[in-house]
């Protein structure tokens, strides 16, 4: 199990990926400008960059057909 799994089905909708990335970028700007804390600004900015890459460049969500197959497989395993 990963600490932060960006390939989790929760992140399939685009709006969730955009909101998370934008919130991290905004928090980074806040830390640099309002707080004056470079450490936290760099940390959240780095996480925002990682999320932007993982969510918009390397993101490979499962196709709906694949999700249906997985559900059918899980049901047959339970029986």
PDB file of N, CA and C in Angstrom:
ATOM      1  N   UNK A   1       0.845  -1.181   0.000  1.00  0.00           N
ATOM      2  CA  UNK A   1       0.000   0.000   0.000  1.00  0.00           C
ATOM      3  C   UNK A   1       0.890   1.243   0.000  1.00  0.00           C
ATOM      4  N   UNK A   2       0.540   2.175  -0.853  1.00  0.00           N
ATOM      5  CA  UNK A   2       1.291   3.421  -0.935  1.00  0.00           C
ATOM      6  C   UNK A   2       0.745   4.433   0.064  1.00  0.00           C
ATOM      7  N   UNK A   3       1.587   5.378   0.421  1.00  0.00           N
ATOM      8  CA  UNK A   3       1.141   6.435   1.319  1.00  0.00           C
ATOM      9  C   UNK A   3       0.108   7.320   0.640  1.00  0.00           C
ATOM     10  N   UNK A   4       0.348   7.654  -0.620  1.00  0.00           N
ATOM     11  CA  UNK A   4      -0.558   8.520  -1.373  1.00  0.00           C
ATOM     12  C   UNK A   4      -0.724   7.916  -2.760  1.00  0.00           C
ATOM     13  N   UNK A   5      -1.779   7.143  -2.961  1.00  0.00           N
ATOM     14  CA  UNK A   5      -2.007   6.419  -4.207  1.00  0.00           C
ATOM     15  C   UNK A   5      -2.789   7.304  -5.169  1.00  0.00           C
ATOM     16  N   UNK A   6      -2.095   7.883  -6.150  1.00  0.00           N
ATOM     17  CA  UNK A   6      -2.759   8.771  -7.108  1.00  0.00           C
ATOM     18  C   UNK A   6      -3.516   8.007  -8.174  1.00  0.00           C
ATOM     19  N   UNK A   7      -3.357   6.700  -8.248  1.00  0.00           N
ATOM     20  CA  UNK A   7      -4.095   5.886  -9.202  1.00  0.00           C
ATOM     21  C   UNK A   7      -5.367   5.298  -8.585  1.00  0.00           C
ATOM     22  N   UNK A   8      -5.741   5.763  -7.410  1.00  0.00           N
ATOM     23  CA  UNK A   8      -6.938   5.278  -6.725  1.00  0.00           C
ATOM     24  C   UNK A   8      -8.183   5.687  -7.508  1.00  0.00           C
ATOM     25  N   UNK A   9      -9.216   4.847  -7.521  1.00  0.00           N
ATOM     26  CA  UNK A   9     -10.451   5.187  -8.252  1.00  0.00           C
ATOM     27  C   UNK A   9     -11.113   6.492  -7.804  1.00  0.00           C
ATOM     28  N   UNK A  10     -10.828   6.952  -6.598  1.00  0.00           N
ATOM     29  CA  UNK A  10     -11.378   8.220  -6.124  1.00  0.00           C
ATOM     30  C   UNK A  10     -10.989   9.371  -7.040  1.00  0.00           C
ATOM     31  N   UNK A  11      -9.814   9.299  -7.659  1.00  0.00           N
ATOM     32  CA  UNK A  11      -9.309  10.391  -8.475  1.00  0.00           C
ATOM     33  C   UNK A  11      -9.690  10.290  -9.950  1.00  0.00           C
ATOM     34  N   UNK A  12     -10.563   9.385 -10.325  1.00  0.00           N
ATOM     35  CA  UNK A  12     -10.963   9.271 -11.729  1.00  0.00           C
ATOM     36  C   UNK A  12     -11.683  10.524 -12.219  1.00  0.00           C
ATOM     37  N   UNK A  13     -12.642  11.096 -11.479  1.00  0.00           N
ATOM     38  CA  UNK A  13     -13.268  12.331 -11.975  1.00  0.00           C
ATOM     39  C   UNK A  13     -12.260  13.481 -12.063  1.00  0.00           C
ATOM     40  N   UNK A  14     -12.296  14.180 -13.174  1.00  0.00           N
ATOM     41  CA  UNK A  14     -11.331  15.253 -13.429  1.00  0.00           C
ATOM     42  C   UNK A  14     -11.425  16.367 -12.394  1.00  0.00           C
ATOM     43  N   UNK A  15     -12.626  16.714 -11.956  1.00  0.00           N
ATOM     44  CA  UNK A  15     -12.768  17.843 -11.040  1.00  0.00           C
ATOM     45  C   UNK A  15     -12.052  17.596  -9.714  1.00  0.00           C
ATOM     46  N   UNK A  16     -11.981  16.365  -9.250  1.00  0.00           N
ATOM     47  CA  UNK A  16     -11.274  16.076  -7.997  1.00  0.00           C
ATOM     48  C   UNK A  16      -9.774  16.281  -8.156  1.00  0.00           C
ATOM     49  N   UNK A  17      -9.240  15.900  -9.301  1.00  0.00           N
ATOM     50  CA  UNK A  17      -7.808  16.076  -9.549  1.00  0.00           C
ATOM     51  C   UNK A  17      -7.464  17.551  -9.685  1.00  0.00           C
ATOM     52  N   UNK A  18      -8.326  18.309 -10.361  1.00  0.00           N
ATOM     53  CA  UNK A  18      -8.082  19.741 -10.540  1.00  0.00           C
ATOM     54  C   UNK A  18      -8.155  20.466  -9.199  1.00  0.00           C
ATOM     55  N   UNK A  19      -9.167  20.158  -8.396  1.00  0.00           N
ATOM     56  CA  UNK A  19      -9.344  20.824  -7.102  1.00  0.00           C
ATOM     57  C   UNK A  19      -8.155  20.547  -6.181  1.00  0.00           C
ATOM     58  N   UNK A  20      -7.713  19.297  -6.113  1.00  0.00           N
ATOM     59  CA  UNK A  20      -6.591  18.969  -5.233  1.00  0.00           C
ATOM     60  C   UNK A  20      -5.312  19.668  -5.669  1.00  0.00           C
ATOM     61  N   UNK A  21      -5.031  19.647  -6.964  1.00  0.00           N
ATOM     62  CA  UNK A  21      -3.821  20.288  -7.464  1.00  0.00           C
ATOM     63  C   UNK A  21      -3.872  21.797  -7.258  1.00  0.00           C
ATOM     64  N   UNK A  22      -5.022  22.409  -7.533  1.00  0.00           N
ATOM     65  CA  UNK A  22      -5.165  23.856  -7.354  1.00  0.00           C
ATOM     66  C   UNK A  22      -5.060  24.244  -5.876  1.00  0.00           C
ATOM     67  N   UNK A  23      -5.632  23.436  -5.001  1.00  0.00           N
ATOM     68  CA  UNK A  23      -5.554  23.733  -3.565  1.00  0.00           C
ATOM     69  C   UNK A  23      -4.116  23.666  -3.069  1.00  0.00           C
ATOM     70  N   UNK A  24      -3.374  22.679  -3.531  1.00  0.00           N
ATOM     71  CA  UNK A  24      -1.968  22.580  -3.127  1.00  0.00           C
ATOM     72  C   UNK A  24      -1.149  23.755  -3.663  1.00  0.00           C
ATOM     73  N   UNK A  25      -1.400  24.140  -4.906  1.00  0.00           N
ATOM     74  CA  UNK A  25      -0.669  25.277  -5.482  1.00  0.00           C
ATOM     75  C   UNK A  25      -1.025  26.571  -4.738  1.00  0.00           C
ATOM     76  N   UNK A  26      -2.305  26.747  -4.428  1.00  0.00           N
ATOM     77  CA  UNK A  26      -2.722  27.946  -3.697  1.00  0.00           C
ATOM     78  C   UNK A  26      -2.115  27.974  -2.295  1.00  0.00           C
ATOM     79  N   UNK A  27      -2.047  26.814  -1.650  1.00  0.00           N
ATOM     80  CA  UNK A  27      -1.455  26.757  -0.314  1.00  0.00           C
ATOM     81  C   UNK A  27       0.038  27.087  -0.376  1.00  0.00           C
ATOM     82  N   UNK A  28       0.697  26.658  -1.431  1.00  0.00           N
ATOM     83  CA  UNK A  28       2.108  26.982  -1.599  1.00  0.00           C
ATOM     84  C   UNK A  28       2.303  28.489  -1.746  1.00  0.00           C
ATOM     85  N   UNK A  29       1.473  29.126  -2.548  1.00  0.00           N
ATOM     86  CA  UNK A  29       1.541  30.581  -2.719  1.00  0.00           C
ATOM     87  C   UNK A  29       1.266  31.275  -1.393  1.00  0.00           C
ATOM     88  N   UNK A  30       0.276  30.788  -0.656  1.00  0.00           N
ATOM     89  CA  UNK A  30      -0.046  31.348   0.655  1.00  0.00           C
ATOM     90  C   UNK A  30       1.161  31.267   1.595  1.00  0.00           C
ATOM     91  N   UNK A  31       1.818  30.127   1.609  1.00  0.00           N
ATOM     92  CA  UNK A  31       2.971  29.957   2.505  1.00  0.00           C
ATOM     93  C   UNK A  31       4.106  30.908   2.133  1.00  0.00           C
ATOM     94  N   UNK A  32       4.345  31.099   0.854  1.00  0.00           N
ATOM     95  CA  UNK A  32       5.417  32.002   0.440  1.00  0.00           C
ATOM     96  C   UNK A  32       5.079  33.463   0.717  1.00  0.00           C
ATOM     97  N   UNK A  33       3.849  33.877   0.405  1.00  0.00           N
ATOM     98  CA  UNK A  33       3.511  35.301   0.471  1.00  0.00           C
ATOM     99  C   UNK A  33       3.014  35.741   1.844  1.00  0.00           C
ATOM    100  N   UNK A  34       2.036  35.076   2.386  1.00  0.00           N
ATOM    101  CA  UNK A  34       1.421  35.518   3.643  1.00  0.00           C
ATOM    102  C   UNK A  34       2.259  35.074   4.846  1.00  0.00           C
ATOM    103  N   UNK A  35       2.568  33.788   4.905  1.00  0.00           N
ATOM    104  CA  UNK A  35       3.298  33.258   6.061  1.00  0.00           C
ATOM    105  C   UNK A  35       4.782  33.576   6.014  1.00  0.00           C
ATOM    106  N   UNK A  36       5.333  33.621   4.833  1.00  0.00           N
ATOM    107  CA  UNK A  36       6.764  33.850   4.700  1.00  0.00           C
ATOM    108  C   UNK A  36       7.582  32.614   5.030  1.00  0.00           C
ATOM    109  N   UNK A  37       6.955  31.462   4.972  1.00  0.00           N
ATOM    110  CA  UNK A  37       7.634  30.218   5.300  1.00  0.00           C
ATOM    111  C   UNK A  37       8.061  29.507   4.019  1.00  0.00           C
ATOM    112  N   UNK A  38       9.333  29.602   3.700  1.00  0.00           N
ATOM    113  CA  UNK A  38       9.837  29.005   2.458  1.00  0.00           C
ATOM    114  C   UNK A  38       9.792  27.478   2.508  1.00  0.00           C
ATOM    115  N   UNK A  39      10.057  26.887   3.662  1.00  0.00           N
ATOM    116  CA  UNK A  39      10.066  25.431   3.765  1.00  0.00           C
ATOM    117  C   UNK A  39       8.710  24.848   3.385  1.00  0.00           C
ATOM    118  N   UNK A  40       7.637  25.347   4.010  1.00  0.00           N
ATOM    119  CA  UNK A  40       6.308  24.804   3.729  1.00  0.00           C
ATOM    120  C   UNK A  40       5.844  25.174   2.325  1.00  0.00           C
ATOM    121  N   UNK A  41       6.279  26.316   1.832  1.00  0.00           N
ATOM    122  CA  UNK A  41       5.953  26.696   0.467  1.00  0.00           C
ATOM    123  C   UNK A  41       6.573  25.764  -0.557  1.00  0.00           C
ATOM    124  N   UNK A  42       7.844  25.423  -0.341  1.00  0.00           N
ATOM    125  CA  UNK A  42       8.524  24.488  -1.241  1.00  0.00           C
ATOM    126  C   UNK A  42       7.919  23.098  -1.120  1.00  0.00           C
ATOM    127  N   UNK A  43       7.604  22.677   0.095  1.00  0.00           N
ATOM    128  CA  UNK A  43       7.024  21.358   0.307  1.00  0.00           C
ATOM    129  C   UNK A  43       5.671  21.217  -0.403  1.00  0.00           C
ATOM    130  N   UNK A  44       4.757  22.147  -0.164  1.00  0.00           N
ATOM    131  CA  UNK A  44       3.449  22.049  -0.809  1.00  0.00           C
ATOM    132  C   UNK A  44       3.539  22.306  -2.313  1.00  0.00           C
ATOM    133  N   UNK A  45       4.446  23.162  -2.734  1.00  0.00           N
ATOM    134  CA  UNK A  45       4.648  23.382  -4.162  1.00  0.00           C
ATOM    135  C   UNK A  45       5.172  22.135  -4.857  1.00  0.00           C
ATOM    136  N   UNK A  46       6.075  21.427  -4.200  1.00  0.00           N
ATOM    137  CA  UNK A  46       6.581  20.177  -4.752  1.00  0.00           C
ATOM    138  C   UNK A  46       5.504  19.115  -4.858  1.00  0.00           C
ATOM    139  N   UNK A  47       4.678  19.018  -3.835  1.00  0.00           N
ATOM    140  CA  UNK A  47       3.576  18.060  -3.880  1.00  0.00           C
ATOM    141  C   UNK A  47       2.588  18.447  -4.979  1.00  0.00           C
ATOM    142  N   UNK A  48       2.347  19.738  -5.157  1.00  0.00           N
ATOM    143  CA  UNK A  48       1.459  20.193  -6.231  1.00  0.00           C
ATOM    144  C   UNK A  48       2.022  19.818  -7.599  1.00  0.00           C
ATOM    145  N   UNK A  49       3.334  19.967  -7.770  1.00  0.00           N
ATOM    146  CA  UNK A  49       3.957  19.576  -9.042  1.00  0.00           C
ATOM    147  C   UNK A  49       3.873  18.077  -9.270  1.00  0.00           C
ATOM    148  N   UNK A  50       4.097  17.297  -8.226  1.00  0.00           N
ATOM    149  CA  UNK A  50       3.981  15.841  -8.349  1.00  0.00           C
ATOM    150  C   UNK A  50       2.553  15.461  -8.712  1.00  0.00           C
ATOM    151  N   UNK A  51       1.571  16.071  -8.047  1.00  0.00           N
ATOM    152  CA  UNK A  51       0.164  15.783  -8.362  1.00  0.00           C
ATOM    153  C   UNK A  51      -0.179  16.206  -9.790  1.00  0.00           C
ATOM    154  N   UNK A  52       0.302  17.355 -10.213  1.00  0.00           N
ATOM    155  CA  UNK A  52       0.026  17.803 -11.579  1.00  0.00           C
ATOM    156  C   UNK A  52       0.578  16.805 -12.589  1.00  0.00           C
ATOM    157  N   UNK A  53       1.778  16.331 -12.357  1.00  0.00           N
ATOM    158  CA  UNK A  53       2.354  15.343 -13.273  1.00  0.00           C
ATOM    159  C   UNK A  53       1.571  14.029 -13.239  1.00  0.00           C
ATOM    160  N   UNK A  54       1.307  13.534 -12.041  1.00  0.00           N
ATOM    161  CA  UNK A  54       0.637  12.246 -11.914  1.00  0.00           C
ATOM    162  C   UNK A  54      -0.825  12.285 -12.369  1.00  0.00           C
ATOM    163  N   UNK A  55      -1.502  13.414 -12.153  1.00  0.00           N
ATOM    164  CA  UNK A  55      -2.921  13.502 -12.487  1.00  0.00           C
ATOM    165  C   UNK A  55      -3.180  13.877 -13.937  1.00  0.00           C
ATOM    166  N   UNK A  56      -2.279  14.617 -14.562  1.00  0.00           N
ATOM    167  CA  UNK A  56      -2.580  15.126 -15.898  1.00  0.00           C
ATOM    168  C   UNK A  56      -1.648  14.623 -16.985  1.00  0.00           C
ATOM    169  N   UNK A  57      -0.519  14.056 -16.627  1.00  0.00           N
ATOM    170  CA  UNK A  57       0.407  13.540 -17.640  1.00  0.00           C
ATOM    171  C   UNK A  57       0.470  12.019 -17.571  1.00  0.00           C
ATOM    172  N   UNK A  58       0.690  11.478 -16.386  1.00  0.00           N
ATOM    173  CA  UNK A  58       0.893  10.037 -16.247  1.00  0.00           C
ATOM    174  C   UNK A  58      -0.356   9.291 -15.795  1.00  0.00           C
ATOM    175  N   UNK A  59      -1.479   9.967 -15.614  1.00  0.00           N
ATOM    176  CA  UNK A  59      -2.686   9.325 -15.089  1.00  0.00           C
ATOM    177  C   UNK A  59      -3.260   8.364 -16.115  1.00  0.00           C
ATOM    178  N   UNK A  60      -3.533   7.138 -15.691  1.00  0.00           N
ATOM    179  CA  UNK A  60      -4.076   6.107 -16.567  1.00  0.00           C
ATOM    180  C   UNK A  60      -5.259   5.444 -15.868  1.00  0.00           C
ATOM    181  N   UNK A  61      -6.435   6.098 -15.903  1.00  0.00           N
ATOM    182  CA  UNK A  61      -7.579   5.531 -15.198  1.00  0.00           C
ATOM    183  C   UNK A  61      -8.072   4.273 -15.898  1.00  0.00           C
ATOM    184  N   UNK A  62      -8.642   3.349 -15.146  1.00  0.00           N
ATOM    185  CA  UNK A  62      -9.197   2.162 -15.779  1.00  0.00           C
ATOM    186  C   UNK A  62     -10.424   2.530 -16.612  1.00  0.00           C
ATOM    187  N   UNK A  63     -10.594   1.837 -17.712  1.00  0.00           N
ATOM    188  CA  UNK A  63     -11.755   2.068 -18.561  1.00  0.00           C
ATOM    189  C   UNK A  63     -12.997   1.506 -17.878  1.00  0.00           C
ATOM    190  N   UNK A  64     -14.182   2.052 -18.179  1.00  0.00           N
ATOM    191  CA  UNK A  64     -15.404   1.536 -17.540  1.00  0.00           C
ATOM    192  C   UNK A  64     -15.595   0.037 -17.759  1.00  0.00           C
ATOM    193  N   UNK A  65     -15.196  -0.477 -18.923  1.00  0.00           N
ATOM    194  CA  UNK A  65     -15.331  -1.910 -19.174  1.00  0.00           C
ATOM    195  C   UNK A  65     -14.457  -2.714 -18.221  1.00  0.00           C
ATOM    196  N   UNK A  66     -13.263  -2.195 -17.941  1.00  0.00           N
ATOM    197  CA  UNK A  66     -12.353  -2.894 -17.029  1.00  0.00           C
ATOM    198  C   UNK A  66     -12.892  -2.888 -15.605  1.00  0.00           C
ATOM    199  N   UNK A  67     -13.514  -1.791 -15.198  1.00  0.00           N
ATOM    200  CA  UNK A  67     -14.076  -1.729 -13.849  1.00  0.00           C
ATOM    201  C   UNK A  67     -15.222  -2.718 -13.709  1.00  0.00           C
ATOM    202  N   UNK A  68     -16.044  -2.863 -14.770  1.00  0.00           N
ATOM    203  CA  UNK A  68     -17.137  -3.825 -14.723  1.00  0.00           C
ATOM    204  C   UNK A  68     -16.605  -5.249 -14.626  1.00  0.00           C
ATOM    205  N   UNK A  69     -15.521  -5.543 -15.338  1.00  0.00           N
ATOM    206  CA  UNK A  69     -14.917  -6.872 -15.273  1.00  0.00           C
ATOM    207  C   UNK A  69     -14.387  -7.152 -13.877  1.00  0.00           C
ATOM    208  N   UNK A  70     -13.779  -6.149 -13.254  1.00  0.00           N
ATOM    209  CA  UNK A  70     -13.265  -6.320 -11.899  1.00  0.00           C
ATOM    210  C   UNK A  70     -14.391  -6.591 -10.916  1.00  0.00           C
ATOM    211  N   UNK A  71     -15.521  -5.906 -11.069  1.00  0.00           N
ATOM    212  CA  UNK A  71     -16.665  -6.129 -10.183  1.00  0.00           C
ATOM    213  C   UNK A  71     -17.203  -7.542 -10.359  1.00  0.00           C
ATOM    214  N   UNK A  72     -17.314  -8.006 -11.617  1.00  0.00           N
ATOM    215  CA  UNK A  72     -17.792  -9.354 -11.874  1.00  0.00           C
ATOM    216  C   UNK A  72     -16.825 -10.384 -11.305  1.00  0.00           C
ATOM    217  N   UNK A  73     -15.529 -10.126 -11.409  1.00  0.00           N
ATOM    218  CA  UNK A  73     -14.518 -11.025 -10.880  1.00  0.00           C
ATOM    219  C   UNK A  73     -14.624 -11.114  -9.359  1.00  0.00           C
ATOM    220  N   UNK A  74     -14.820  -9.976  -8.700  1.00  0.00           N
ATOM    221  CA  UNK A  74     -14.946  -9.968  -7.247  1.00  0.00           C
ATOM    222  C   UNK A  74     -16.176 -10.744  -6.796  1.00  0.00           C
ATOM    223  N   UNK A  75     -17.284 -10.606  -7.521  1.00  0.00           N
ATOM    224  CA  UNK A  75     -18.503 -11.333  -7.159  1.00  0.00           C
ATOM    225  C   UNK A  75     -18.320 -12.828  -7.321  1.00  0.00           C
ATOM    226  N   UNK A  76     -17.621 -13.253  -8.376  1.00  0.00           N
ATOM    227  CA  UNK A  76     -17.416 -14.689  -8.588  1.00  0.00           C
ATOM    228  C   UNK A  76     -16.449 -15.261  -7.551  1.00  0.00           C
ATOM    229  N   UNK A  77     -15.510 -14.449  -7.055  1.00  0.00           N
ATOM    230  CA  UNK A  77     -14.580 -14.914  -6.029  1.00  0.00           C
ATOM    231  C   UNK A  77     -15.286 -15.132  -4.698  1.00  0.00           C
ATOM    232  N   UNK A  78     -16.315 -14.324  -4.420  1.00  0.00           N
ATOM    233  CA  UNK A  78     -17.034 -14.438  -3.155  1.00  0.00           C
ATOM    234  C   UNK A  78     -17.886 -15.698  -3.082  1.00  0.00           C
ATOM    235  N   UNK A  79     -18.338 -16.157  -4.213  1.00  0.00           N
ATOM    236  CA  UNK A  79     -19.248 -17.312  -4.244  1.00  0.00           C
ATOM    237  C   UNK A  79     -18.559 -18.614  -3.974  1.00  0.00           C
TER     238      UNK A  79
END
